[in-house]
C-alpha atoms as a PDB file:
ATOM      1  CA  MET A   1      18.594 -37.675 -13.780  1.00  0.00           C
ATOM      2  CA  SER A   2      20.010 -34.970 -16.017  1.00  0.00           C
ATOM      3  CA  ASN A   3      16.513 -34.069 -17.246  1.00  0.00           C
ATOM      4  CA  GLN A   4      15.463 -33.002 -13.756  1.00  0.00           C
ATOM      5  CA  TRP A   5      17.650 -29.883 -13.604  1.00  0.00           C
ATOM      6  CA  CYS A   6      14.625 -27.560 -13.627  1.00  0.00           C
ATOM      7  CA  PHE A   7      13.465 -28.997 -10.264  1.00  0.00           C
ATOM      8  CA  HIS A   8      16.697 -28.103  -8.509  1.00  0.00           C
ATOM      9  CA  PRO A   9      16.136 -25.883  -5.422  1.00  0.00           C
ATOM     10  CA  TYR A  10      17.968 -23.006  -7.134  1.00  0.00           C
ATOM     11  CA  TYR A  11      15.443 -22.956  -9.958  1.00  0.00           C
ATOM     12  CA  MET A  12      12.451 -23.499  -7.680  1.00  0.00           C
ATOM     13  CA  ILE A  13      13.396 -20.493  -5.528  1.00  0.00           C
ATOM     14  CA  ASN A  14      13.936 -18.352  -8.616  1.00  0.00           C
ATOM     15  CA  TYR A  15      10.568 -19.419 -10.045  1.00  0.00           C
ATOM     16  CA  LEU A  16       8.942 -18.251  -6.813  1.00  0.00           C
ATOM     17  CA  LEU A  17      10.841 -14.951  -6.957  1.00  0.00           C
ATOM     18  CA  CYS A  18       9.659 -14.421 -10.537  1.00  0.00           C
ATOM     19  CA  LEU A  19       6.067 -15.097  -9.494  1.00  0.00           C
ATOM     20  CA  MET A  20       6.257 -12.699  -6.553  1.00  0.00           C
ATOM     21  CA  TYR A  21       5.386  -9.616  -8.618  1.00  0.00           C
ATOM     22  CA  PRO A  22       2.230 -11.070 -10.242  1.00  0.00           C
ATOM     23  CA  MET A  23       1.088 -12.264  -6.809  1.00  0.00           C
ATOM     24  CA  MET A  24       1.625  -8.786  -5.363  1.00  0.00           C
ATOM     25  CA  ARG A  25      -0.338  -7.212  -8.214  1.00  0.00           C
ATOM     26  CA  TYR A  26      -3.139  -9.725  -7.677  1.00  0.00           C
ATOM     27  CA  TYR A  27      -3.476  -8.560  -4.086  1.00  0.00           C
ATOM     28  CA  LYS A  28      -3.892  -4.957  -5.283  1.00  0.00           C
ATOM     29  CA  LEU A  29      -0.429  -3.614  -4.554  1.00  0.00           C
ATOM     30  CA  SER A  30      -0.554  -0.315  -6.380  1.00  0.00           C
ATOM     31  CA  SER A  31       0.914   3.175  -6.485  1.00  0.00           C
ATOM     32  CA  ASP A  32       0.743   6.386  -8.470  1.00  0.00           C
ATOM     33  CA  GLY A  33       4.098   5.587 -10.077  1.00  0.00           C
ATOM     34  CA  LEU A  34       2.493   2.723 -11.996  1.00  0.00           C
ATOM     35  CA  ASN A  35      -0.545   4.722 -13.096  1.00  0.00           C
ATOM     36  CA  PHE A  36       1.469   7.478 -14.796  1.00  0.00           C
ATOM     37  CA  LYS A  37       0.669   7.551 -18.509  1.00  0.00           C
ATOM     38  CA  ASP A  38       3.039   8.849 -21.160  1.00  0.00           C
ATOM     39  CA  SER A  39       2.045  10.915 -24.190  1.00  0.00           C
ATOM     40  CA  TRP A  40       0.762   7.847 -26.080  1.00  0.00           C
ATOM     41  CA  GLY A  41      -1.391   6.655 -23.177  1.00  0.00           C
ATOM     42  CA  TYR A  42       0.680   3.664 -22.087  1.00  0.00           C
ATOM     43  CA  LYS A  43       1.278   3.037 -18.399  1.00  0.00           C
ATOM     44  CA  ARG A  44       4.829   2.569 -17.148  1.00  0.00           C
ATOM     45  CA  GLU A  45       4.016  -0.905 -15.948  1.00  0.00           C
ATOM     46  CA  SER A  46       2.814  -1.890 -19.425  1.00  0.00           C
ATOM     47  CA  GLN A  47       5.936  -0.405 -20.995  1.00  0.00           C
ATOM     48  CA  LEU A  48       8.260  -2.365 -18.709  1.00  0.00           C
ATOM     49  CA  ILE A  49       6.382  -5.634 -19.162  1.00  0.00           C
ATOM     50  CA  THR A  50       6.256  -5.227 -22.960  1.00  0.00           C
ATOM     51  CA  GLY A  51       9.976  -4.445 -23.127  1.00  0.00           C
ATOM     52  CA  LEU A  52      10.787  -7.389 -20.888  1.00  0.00           C
ATOM     53  CA  THR A  53       8.665  -9.752 -22.985  1.00  0.00           C
ATOM     54  CA  THR A  54      10.340  -8.539 -26.163  1.00  0.00           C
ATOM     55  CA  LEU A  55      13.780  -9.100 -24.662  1.00  0.00           C
ATOM     56  CA  ILE A  56      12.894 -12.625 -23.540  1.00  0.00           C
ATOM     57  CA  LEU A  57      11.481 -13.501 -26.974  1.00  0.00           C
ATOM     58  CA  LEU A  58      14.642 -12.229 -28.658  1.00  0.00           C
ATOM     59  CA  ARG A  59      16.710 -14.378 -26.309  1.00  0.00           C
ATOM     60  CA  PHE A  60      14.534 -17.376 -27.144  1.00  0.00           C
ATOM     61  CA  ALA A  61      15.337 -16.925 -30.826  1.00  0.00           C
ATOM     62  CA  ARG A  62      19.040 -16.782 -29.972  1.00  0.00           C
ATOM     63  CA  TYR A  63      19.168 -19.764 -27.580  1.00  0.00           C
ATOM     64  CA  PHE A  64      16.543 -21.943 -29.242  1.00  0.00           C
ATOM     65  CA  THR A  65      18.661 -25.093 -28.973  1.00  0.00           C
ATOM     66  CA  ASN A  66      20.017 -24.472 -25.467  1.00  0.00           C
ATOM     67  CA  TYR A  67      16.947 -24.565 -23.236  1.00  0.00           C
ATOM     68  CA  LYS A  68      18.852 -24.374 -19.953  1.00  0.00           C
ATOM     69  CA  LYS A  69      20.650 -21.171 -20.956  1.00  0.00           C
ATOM     70  CA  PHE A  70      17.348 -19.670 -22.109  1.00  0.00           C
ATOM     71  CA  VAL A  71      15.709 -20.458 -18.754  1.00  0.00           C
ATOM     72  CA  ASN A  72      18.642 -18.949 -16.841  1.00  0.00           C
ATOM     73  CA  GLU A  73      18.549 -15.722 -18.842  1.00  0.00           C
ATOM     74  CA  SER A  74      14.758 -15.526 -18.636  1.00  0.00           C
ATOM     75  CA  ILE A  75      14.924 -15.809 -14.856  1.00  0.00           C
ATOM     76  CA  PHE A  76      17.522 -13.046 -14.778  1.00  0.00           C
ATOM     77  CA  PHE A  77      15.425 -10.707 -16.946  1.00  0.00           C
ATOM     78  CA  LEU A  78      12.232 -11.486 -15.026  1.00  0.00           C
ATOM     79  CA  LYS A  79      13.885 -10.677 -11.710  1.00  0.00           C
ATOM     80  CA  ALA A  80      15.376  -7.470 -13.132  1.00  0.00           C
ATOM     81  CA  GLY A  81      11.989  -6.422 -14.538  1.00  0.00           C
ATOM     82  CA  SER A  82      10.256  -7.219 -11.258  1.00  0.00           C
ATOM     83  CA  THR A  83      12.805  -5.090  -9.438  1.00  0.00           C
ATOM     84  CA  MET A  84      12.149  -2.128 -11.756  1.00  0.00           C
ATOM     85  CA  VAL A  85       8.380  -2.338 -11.402  1.00  0.00           C
ATOM     86  CA  LEU A  86       8.555  -2.840  -7.641  1.00  0.00           C
ATOM     87  CA  PHE A  87      10.798   0.222  -7.422  1.00  0.00           C
ATOM     88  CA  LEU A  88       7.963   2.250  -8.928  1.00  0.00           C
ATOM     89  CA  ILE A  89       5.553   0.864  -6.334  1.00  0.00           C
ATOM     90  CA  ASP A  90       7.579   1.223  -3.150  1.00  0.00           C
ATOM     91  CA  ILE A  91      11.273   1.370  -2.350  1.00  0.00           C
ATOM     92  CA  ARG A  92      10.787  -0.676   0.833  1.00  0.00           C
ATOM     93  CA  VAL A  93       9.165  -3.536  -1.082  1.00  0.00           C
ATOM     94  CA  THR A  94      12.036  -3.357  -3.573  1.00  0.00           C
ATOM     95  CA  CYS A  95      14.594  -3.632  -0.772  1.00  0.00           C
ATOM     96  CA  TRP A  96      12.851  -6.719   0.612  1.00  0.00           C
ATOM     97  CA  TYR A  97      12.695  -8.224  -2.863  1.00  0.00           C
ATOM     98  CA  LEU A  98      16.400  -7.603  -3.464  1.00  0.00           C
ATOM     99  CA  LEU A  99      17.192  -9.067  -0.071  1.00  0.00           C
ATOM    100  CA  ALA A 100      15.269 -12.199  -1.041  1.00  0.00           C
ATOM    101  CA  CYS A 101      17.042 -12.328  -4.433  1.00  0.00           C
ATOM    102  CA  PHE A 102      20.556 -11.935  -3.070  1.00  0.00           C
ATOM    103  CA  GLY A 103      20.065 -13.748   0.236  1.00  0.00           C
ATOM    104  CA  LYS A 104      21.671 -17.102   0.710  1.00  0.00           C
ATOM    105  CA  PHE A 105      19.118 -19.859   1.070  1.00  0.00           C
END
């Protein structure tokens, strides 16, 4: 039974929260804040996603033997990254996302 920790309702809800941003982008949620390009031609969205991926990979190297701790920190970073990108899209969507993250289920 100890191997089934990843199917706990806490983790299932957090998986859905982490998938909320890609689902929103799939349904064409967009804004001018995401399309801004810096001097090298990278979009802000690409910069945030690349930085987030780098951070998660560095954490994987650190917690290679402790899978549960790696999953917990990855969920935290994914929710923080989703919050930053959603803030660039619309502050109202960000408020709803934060309400879903911090709400008691």
